[in-house]
Protein backbone atom coordinates (compact mmCIF):
# COMPACT_ATOMS: atom_id res chain seq x y z
CA MET A 1 -117.31 3.11 -285.64
CA GLN A 2 -119.48 6.44 -284.63
CA ASP A 3 -121.62 3.91 -282.96
CA SER A 4 -118.39 2.12 -281.32
CA GLU A 5 -117.20 6.31 -280.40
CA THR A 6 -121.45 6.55 -279.56
CA ASN A 7 -121.75 3.45 -277.09
CA GLU A 8 -118.41 4.27 -275.27
CA SER A 9 -119.87 8.27 -274.35
CA ARG A 10 -123.01 6.94 -273.45
CA MET A 11 -121.03 3.88 -270.46
CA GLN A 12 -118.94 6.90 -269.47
CA GLU A 13 -121.96 9.29 -268.23
CA GLN A 14 -123.57 6.71 -267.08
CA ASP A 15 -120.17 6.22 -265.20
CA SER A 16 -120.15 9.33 -264.09
CA HIS A 17 -123.56 9.01 -262.95
CA THR A 18 -123.07 6.65 -261.08
CA ALA A 19 -120.11 8.28 -259.29
CA SER A 20 -122.34 11.38 -258.58
CA ARG A 21 -124.77 8.90 -257.03
CA LYS A 22 -122.10 7.01 -255.00
CA GLU A 23 -120.94 10.44 -253.60
CA GLY A 24 -124.17 11.70 -253.38
CA GLY A 25 -125.53 8.70 -250.82
CA THR A 26 -122.10 9.24 -249.55
CA ALA A 27 -123.03 12.84 -248.21
CA ARG A 28 -126.34 11.89 -247.32
CA SER A 29 -125.64 9.19 -245.49
CA LYS A 30 -123.78 11.52 -243.55
CA ARG A 31 -126.19 14.33 -242.57
CA VAL A 32 -127.39 14.09 -238.99
CA PRO A 33 -131.08 13.15 -238.83
CA ARG A 34 -133.60 14.92 -237.67
CA ALA A 35 -135.31 12.56 -234.74
CA VAL A 36 -131.07 12.08 -233.21
CA LYS A 37 -130.63 15.79 -233.21
CA ILE A 38 -133.99 16.27 -230.91
CA SER A 39 -132.29 13.14 -228.54
CA VAL A 40 -129.46 14.98 -228.53
CA ALA A 41 -130.66 17.87 -227.88
CA LEU A 42 -133.04 16.86 -224.96
CA LEU A 43 -130.14 14.99 -223.28
CA LEU A 44 -128.33 17.21 -222.91
CA VAL A 45 -130.94 19.92 -222.07
CA LEU A 46 -131.93 16.97 -219.09
CA ILE A 47 -127.79 17.06 -218.21
CA ALA A 48 -127.35 20.26 -218.12
CA ALA A 49 -130.82 20.35 -215.78
CA GLY A 50 -129.70 17.94 -213.31
CA ALA A 51 -126.44 19.79 -212.97
CA VAL A 52 -128.13 22.90 -212.50
CA ALA A 53 -130.84 20.17 -209.70
CA TRP A 54 -126.66 19.31 -208.23
CA ALA A 55 -125.88 22.40 -208.23
CA TRP A 56 -128.52 23.65 -206.29
CA ILE A 57 -129.10 20.96 -203.88
CA SER A 58 -124.98 21.15 -202.89
CA SER A 59 -125.71 25.24 -202.57
CA LEU A 60 -128.97 23.93 -200.05
CA GLU A 61 -126.60 21.73 -197.81
CA ALA A 62 -124.28 23.70 -197.17
CA GLU A 63 -126.52 26.66 -196.35
CA MET A 64 -128.15 24.19 -193.98
CA SER A 65 -125.29 21.80 -193.22
CA LEU A 66 -124.29 21.72 -189.28
CA GLY A 67 -120.37 22.50 -188.47
CA VAL A 68 -118.17 19.14 -189.01
CA GLU A 69 -117.61 18.48 -185.48
CA GLU A 70 -121.30 19.50 -184.47
CA ARG A 71 -122.39 16.64 -187.55
CA SER A 72 -120.04 13.36 -186.12
CA GLU A 73 -121.48 13.83 -183.02
CA LEU A 74 -124.98 14.12 -183.87
CA GLU A 75 -124.62 11.04 -185.92
CA ASP A 76 -123.34 9.36 -182.73
CA VAL A 77 -126.49 10.02 -180.58
CA LEU A 78 -129.30 10.15 -183.33
CA VAL A 79 -131.38 7.12 -183.87
CA GLU A 80 -130.58 5.21 -187.21
CA PRO A 81 -133.40 6.14 -189.32
CA ALA A 82 -136.35 3.51 -189.46
CA GLN A 83 -136.44 1.43 -193.19
CA SER A 84 -139.23 3.33 -193.77
CA GLU A 85 -140.07 7.16 -191.68
CA GLN A 86 -143.16 7.04 -194.24
CA GLN A 87 -144.57 4.67 -191.79
CA GLU A 88 -143.59 4.96 -189.21
CA ALA A 89 -143.55 7.96 -186.67
CA PHE A 90 -140.86 9.37 -185.57
CA TYR A 91 -139.50 12.71 -183.45
CA THR A 92 -137.17 14.87 -184.13
CA LEU A 93 -135.58 18.53 -181.51
CA ILE A 94 -136.57 21.59 -182.88
CA ILE A 95 -134.59 23.98 -180.89
CA GLY A 96 -134.74 28.21 -180.76
CA SER A 97 -131.65 29.45 -180.45
CA ASP A 98 -130.83 32.58 -178.50
CA SER A 99 -127.10 33.32 -180.21
CA ARG A 100 -126.75 37.82 -179.67
CA GLY A 101 -123.01 37.38 -181.45
CA ASP A 102 -122.56 39.25 -178.72
CA GLY A 103 -119.26 37.27 -177.08
CA ALA A 104 -122.40 35.57 -174.60
CA ALA A 105 -122.82 32.05 -174.33
CA SER A 106 -125.96 30.48 -176.28
CA ARG A 107 -128.16 28.86 -174.58
CA SER A 108 -131.46 27.05 -176.64
CA ASP A 109 -134.36 29.69 -176.42
CA THR A 110 -136.75 27.03 -177.42
CA ILE A 111 -136.56 23.23 -177.69
CA ILE A 112 -139.55 21.52 -178.92
CA LEU A 113 -140.34 17.68 -178.92
CA ALA A 114 -141.80 16.77 -182.30
CA ARG A 115 -143.33 14.11 -182.73
CA VAL A 116 -143.86 12.71 -186.60
CA ASP A 117 -146.46 10.69 -187.90
CA ILE A 118 -146.05 10.67 -192.35
CA ALA A 119 -148.94 8.04 -192.93
CA ALA A 120 -151.17 9.65 -189.93
CA ALA A 121 -150.31 13.17 -191.30
CA ARG A 122 -149.93 14.15 -187.25
CA ILE A 123 -147.83 16.13 -185.54
CA THR A 124 -147.97 16.73 -182.10
CA LEU A 125 -145.33 19.41 -180.27
CA VAL A 126 -144.46 19.17 -177.20
CA SER A 127 -142.61 21.98 -175.20
CA ILE A 128 -139.80 21.62 -172.81
CA PRO A 129 -139.28 24.58 -170.44
CA ARG A 130 -135.87 25.89 -171.02
CA ASP A 131 -134.83 26.00 -167.59
CA THR A 132 -136.23 22.33 -167.07
CA MET A 133 -133.84 21.98 -164.09
CA VAL A 134 -131.49 18.60 -165.02
CA TYR A 135 -128.73 16.88 -163.99
CA GLY A 136 -125.92 17.48 -166.36
CA GLU A 137 -123.64 14.84 -168.29
CA ASP A 138 -121.04 15.34 -165.68
CA GLY A 139 -123.27 15.11 -162.76
CA SER A 140 -123.94 18.95 -161.89
CA LEU A 141 -127.31 20.86 -161.46
CA GLU A 142 -128.16 23.17 -164.41
CA LYS A 143 -131.09 24.22 -166.55
CA ILE A 144 -131.59 22.20 -169.64
CA ASN A 145 -131.06 24.56 -171.84
CA ALA A 146 -127.75 24.74 -171.29
CA ALA A 147 -126.82 21.82 -172.63
CA TYR A 148 -126.72 23.69 -175.90
CA ASN A 149 -123.01 25.36 -174.63
CA ASP A 150 -121.21 21.80 -175.28
CA GLY A 151 -123.42 21.79 -178.70
CA PRO A 152 -126.70 19.96 -180.49
CA ALA A 153 -125.72 15.98 -179.04
CA SER A 154 -125.60 17.63 -175.78
CA THR A 155 -128.75 18.96 -176.08
CA VAL A 156 -130.31 15.26 -177.76
CA ARG A 157 -129.15 13.68 -175.14
CA ALA A 158 -130.13 15.57 -172.56
CA VAL A 159 -134.12 15.86 -173.97
CA SER A 160 -134.14 12.20 -175.21
CA GLU A 161 -133.40 11.54 -171.48
CA PHE A 162 -136.12 13.50 -170.58
CA ALA A 163 -138.70 12.38 -172.78
CA GLY A 164 -137.74 8.98 -172.61
CA VAL A 165 -137.49 8.60 -176.21
CA ASP A 166 -134.90 8.38 -179.55
CA ILE A 167 -134.64 11.05 -181.67
CA ALA A 168 -134.05 10.57 -185.41
CA HIS A 169 -133.51 14.69 -186.55
CA TYR A 170 -131.92 18.19 -185.21
CA ILE A 171 -133.22 21.35 -186.72
CA GLU A 172 -131.84 24.65 -185.34
CA VAL A 173 -133.15 27.73 -185.41
CA ASP A 174 -132.12 30.92 -185.99
CA PHE A 175 -134.72 32.83 -183.85
CA ARG A 176 -134.15 35.94 -185.06
CA GLY A 177 -134.79 34.40 -189.04
CA LEU A 178 -138.46 33.52 -187.80
CA GLU A 179 -138.55 37.06 -189.47
CA GLN A 180 -138.20 36.22 -192.29
CA ILE A 181 -139.43 32.89 -192.87
CA VAL A 182 -142.68 34.17 -191.57
CA ASP A 183 -142.52 37.52 -194.10
CA ALA A 184 -141.79 35.07 -196.83
CA LEU A 185 -144.60 32.35 -196.84
CA GLY A 186 -146.84 35.80 -196.62
CA GLY A 187 -147.30 35.95 -192.60
CA VAL A 188 -148.52 33.28 -190.41
CA ARG A 189 -153.27 32.80 -189.07
CA VAL A 190 -152.51 32.73 -185.19
CA THR A 191 -155.10 32.69 -182.47
CA ILE A 192 -154.18 34.81 -179.65
CA PRO A 193 -155.97 33.79 -176.09
CA GLU A 194 -155.45 37.07 -174.81
CA ASP A 195 -154.89 40.83 -175.09
CA ILE A 196 -151.32 41.16 -174.64
CA SER A 197 -149.61 44.62 -173.40
CA ALA A 198 -146.03 45.63 -174.55
CA GLY A 199 -143.35 43.83 -172.52
CA ASN A 200 -140.35 42.38 -173.27
CA GLY A 201 -141.67 41.68 -177.03
CA GLY A 202 -141.76 44.62 -177.77
CA MET A 203 -145.28 44.73 -179.58
CA ALA A 204 -148.80 44.55 -177.75
CA PHE A 205 -151.93 42.11 -178.98
CA SER A 206 -155.00 42.31 -178.95
CA ALA A 207 -157.03 38.75 -178.15
CA GLY A 208 -158.81 36.60 -181.96
CA GLU A 209 -157.40 35.41 -184.80
CA GLN A 210 -155.34 37.89 -186.62
CA VAL A 211 -152.55 37.14 -189.15
CA LEU A 212 -149.38 37.82 -187.75
CA THR A 213 -145.92 39.13 -189.88
CA GLY A 214 -142.55 38.43 -188.52
CA GLU A 215 -141.69 41.23 -186.85
CA GLN A 216 -144.82 40.17 -185.21
CA ALA A 217 -144.40 36.54 -184.98
CA PHE A 218 -140.57 37.54 -183.47
CA ALA A 219 -142.50 40.08 -180.98
CA TYR A 220 -145.23 37.54 -179.79
CA ALA A 221 -142.94 34.60 -179.53
CA ARG A 222 -140.53 35.93 -177.11
CA GLU A 223 -143.15 37.80 -174.48
CA ARG A 224 -142.74 36.87 -171.19
CA TYR A 225 -143.70 39.66 -169.35
CA THR A 226 -146.97 40.34 -170.09
CA VAL A 227 -149.06 37.11 -170.77
CA SER A 228 -150.07 34.38 -167.78
CA GLY A 229 -148.08 31.84 -167.64
CA GLY A 230 -145.04 33.95 -167.80
CA ASP A 231 -141.99 31.61 -169.38
CA PHE A 232 -145.09 28.93 -169.73
CA GLY A 233 -147.11 31.13 -171.60
CA ARG A 234 -144.37 32.11 -174.03
CA ALA A 235 -144.08 28.30 -175.12
CA ARG A 236 -147.37 27.99 -175.87
CA ALA A 237 -146.91 30.89 -178.96
CA GLN A 238 -143.59 29.26 -179.84
CA ARG A 239 -145.55 26.59 -180.56
CA GLN A 240 -148.86 28.26 -182.01
CA ILE A 241 -145.63 30.15 -184.62
CA ALA A 242 -144.56 26.62 -185.53
CA GLU A 243 -147.70 25.14 -185.86
CA ALA A 244 -148.52 27.73 -188.49
CA ILE A 245 -145.52 27.74 -190.30
CA ILE A 246 -145.78 23.95 -190.68
CA SER A 247 -149.18 24.31 -192.00
CA GLN A 248 -148.78 27.48 -194.23
CA VAL A 249 -146.68 25.61 -196.14
CA LEU A 250 -148.55 22.72 -196.16
CA ALA A 251 -150.86 25.24 -197.79
CA SER A 252 -148.83 25.37 -200.24
CA GLY A 253 -148.42 24.45 -203.85
CA PRO A 254 -146.43 21.02 -204.79
CA THR A 255 -144.65 23.16 -206.94
CA GLU A 256 -143.80 25.42 -204.93
CA ILE A 257 -142.10 23.33 -201.80
CA PRO A 258 -138.51 22.92 -203.24
CA GLY A 259 -138.51 26.84 -203.32
CA ILE A 260 -139.94 27.19 -199.25
CA VAL A 261 -137.31 24.84 -198.34
CA SER A 262 -134.58 26.75 -199.86
CA MET A 263 -135.59 30.72 -198.35
CA LEU A 264 -135.84 27.58 -194.91
CA ALA A 265 -132.34 26.76 -196.07
CA GLN A 266 -131.33 30.64 -195.10
CA SER A 267 -132.33 30.32 -191.30
CA ILE A 268 -131.55 26.42 -189.35
CA GLY A 269 -129.09 24.27 -189.28
CA THR A 270 -129.67 20.10 -189.53
CA ASP A 271 -128.81 16.54 -189.99
CA LEU A 272 -131.98 16.29 -192.77
CA ALA A 273 -130.95 16.74 -196.48
CA PRO A 274 -133.04 19.61 -199.22
CA ALA A 275 -134.35 15.73 -200.95
CA ASP A 276 -136.10 14.62 -197.55
CA ILE A 277 -137.93 17.83 -196.07
CA ILE A 278 -139.56 18.08 -200.03
CA SER A 279 -139.82 14.32 -199.46
CA TYR A 280 -142.07 14.77 -195.87
CA ALA A 281 -143.37 18.09 -197.04
CA LEU A 282 -145.10 16.10 -200.45
CA SER A 283 -146.00 13.08 -198.15
CA LEU A 284 -147.79 14.60 -195.77
CA GLN A 285 -149.93 16.84 -198.75
CA GLY A 286 -150.18 13.65 -200.38
CA SER A 287 -151.41 11.13 -197.74
CA GLY A 288 -154.97 12.34 -197.99
CA GLN A 289 -155.93 13.56 -194.72
CA PRO A 290 -156.14 16.65 -193.18
CA LEU A 291 -152.98 17.65 -190.88
CA THR A 292 -153.46 16.95 -186.95
CA THR A 293 -152.00 19.15 -185.48
CA TYR A 294 -151.00 18.72 -181.44
CA SER A 295 -149.65 20.88 -179.13
CA THR A 296 -148.72 20.82 -175.10
CA VAL A 297 -145.63 21.07 -172.74
CA ALA A 298 -144.17 19.33 -170.27
CA PRO A 299 -146.71 19.22 -166.72
CA SER A 300 -144.28 22.38 -164.80
CA TYR A 301 -144.04 24.45 -161.68
CA ALA A 302 -141.87 27.10 -160.81
CA LEU A 303 -139.21 26.62 -158.81
CA ASN A 304 -136.67 28.45 -156.68
CA GLN A 305 -133.87 26.72 -154.79
CA ASP A 306 -130.63 28.36 -153.65
CA GLY A 307 -131.41 31.76 -155.17
CA VAL A 308 -132.23 30.10 -157.98
CA SER A 309 -135.07 30.26 -160.48
CA TYR A 310 -135.87 26.82 -162.00
CA VAL A 311 -138.77 24.83 -163.56
CA ALA A 312 -139.20 21.11 -161.88
CA THR A 313 -141.52 18.02 -163.58
CA MET A 314 -144.41 16.80 -161.81
CA TYR A 315 -143.27 13.00 -163.01
CA ASP A 316 -146.98 11.62 -163.51
CA GLU A 317 -147.89 13.96 -165.34
CA TRP A 318 -145.59 13.77 -167.63
CA ARG A 319 -145.40 10.32 -167.77
CA ALA A 320 -149.15 10.55 -168.90
CA VAL A 321 -148.40 12.94 -171.57
CA MET A 322 -145.65 11.05 -173.30
CA GLN A 323 -147.86 7.27 -173.03
CA ARG A 324 -149.83 10.05 -175.14
CA VAL A 325 -147.71 11.34 -176.92
CA ASP A 326 -146.23 8.99 -178.04
CA ALA A 327 -149.37 6.58 -179.20
CA GLY A 328 -149.89 9.33 -181.35
CA LEU A 329 -153.18 10.53 -179.36
CA ASP A 330 -154.31 14.16 -178.26
CA PRO A 331 -152.05 14.60 -175.58
CA SER A 332 -154.13 17.07 -173.84
CA ASP A 333 -157.06 14.96 -173.73
CA ALA A 334 -156.17 12.60 -170.80
CA SER A 335 -159.86 10.96 -171.01
CA VAL A 336 -158.00 8.81 -173.83
CA ALA A 337 -157.70 5.15 -173.43
CA VAL A 338 -153.99 4.36 -173.81
CA PRO A 339 -152.39 1.82 -175.54
CA ALA A 340 -150.72 -1.02 -173.11
CA GLU A 341 -147.03 -0.38 -175.71
CA GLN A 342 -146.83 3.07 -173.99
CA ILE A 343 -148.15 2.06 -170.62
CA ALA A 344 -145.97 -0.36 -170.99
CA ASN A 345 -142.89 1.83 -171.94
CA GLU A 346 -141.47 2.94 -168.26
CA ARG A 347 -139.05 4.88 -169.86
CA LEU A 348 -141.82 7.46 -172.12
CA GLY A 349 -141.70 10.45 -169.46
CA SER A 350 -139.14 8.84 -167.22
CA ALA A 351 -137.43 12.01 -166.82
CA ALA A 352 -134.48 10.28 -165.34
CA ASN A 353 -132.13 13.38 -165.45
CA ALA A 354 -134.79 15.14 -163.79
CA ALA A 355 -133.30 16.89 -160.60
CA GLY A 356 -136.61 18.27 -159.32
CA PRO A 357 -138.41 16.99 -156.04
CA ARG A 358 -139.61 13.53 -156.53
CA ASP A 359 -142.12 14.48 -154.08
CA TYR A 360 -143.31 17.61 -156.08
CA ALA A 361 -147.34 17.41 -155.19
CA GLY A 362 -147.32 20.13 -152.02
CA LEU A 363 -144.35 22.18 -153.97
CA ALA A 364 -146.88 22.25 -157.19
CA ALA A 365 -149.93 23.32 -155.20
CA GLY A 366 -147.86 26.45 -153.62
CA SER A 367 -146.05 27.37 -156.07
CA GLY A 368 -146.74 30.87 -157.96
CA LEU A 369 -146.39 29.57 -161.62
CA THR A 370 -147.15 26.10 -162.82
CA THR A 371 -148.10 25.40 -167.00
CA ALA A 372 -151.83 25.22 -166.12
CA ASP A 373 -151.41 28.66 -165.78
CA ALA A 374 -150.69 29.76 -169.10
CA ARG A 375 -154.13 29.83 -171.09
């Protein structure tokens, strides 16, 4: 009897231990393994980082975005980008706006056509004189920078017709924003070709290589009264500043590029997405080749017609320049052999909308100012 009670007691104790183990097992099975917790935490961090990155890119796009109407019109005139712009050269129009905020009509103070060849790490900058005599879209005689009054798309059409090339991208720079861009880069290094006294730019400069602050770069890029070549000399200075900014950006570390693009976003409007700009910069950095930059201006001369000062085009010289530009050659080297493809392309440098005299040799020789006068 006692043995029976003892056995029963043991059985109850066993059942109790079994139940306890089951309950303990159930409790342990509800605990989330540490590895899973870490994975979930990482996933949440990545989601948060992605959200932050998305918000950052969206904010940049909003800052750099042109107006809805302007963007829509640009989509109709900008060429469809190549399948791989990393492999094929493309043209970008860079406009410096001189909007003064005083109710006066804005004009494109700076017009630079840039050929960008990512694969070859080569960029060519071509100034189009702002006073170039052309026929407007309505057939009227005007200066090419007047096209800006009708919006970016009109400017793209005018430059595309003048240069004889398709344009893939558009960048508009707030000219006053130039100071902030240069200062954010720690200044830009340029070689000033001559001593310059203070004129409309408001600052004097000594000849030689030097690092310019944002304020100095702005003054140098505006000066046209006390430089050789007048407005042609100013166009040269503007290309120098553009070259220096590009070089400074590409000299930055890869991790610095997004921050630089963020800074640039405050002063530019463009059809390009921030990711595209970052990709181009990093691709140029990673090309394994040193960056080559070429710089030139559309060969032109000053012409007064009916009391209005214009810049007229030297057609043969302009065509030859654009042939070299399109071939990726130094546009200033007239001795270089141009490939048959560019020679056969009658559209290149055709200046189809130019209104200057076609028989221009005598006028250019007798002009008081030509692009050759800019040092």
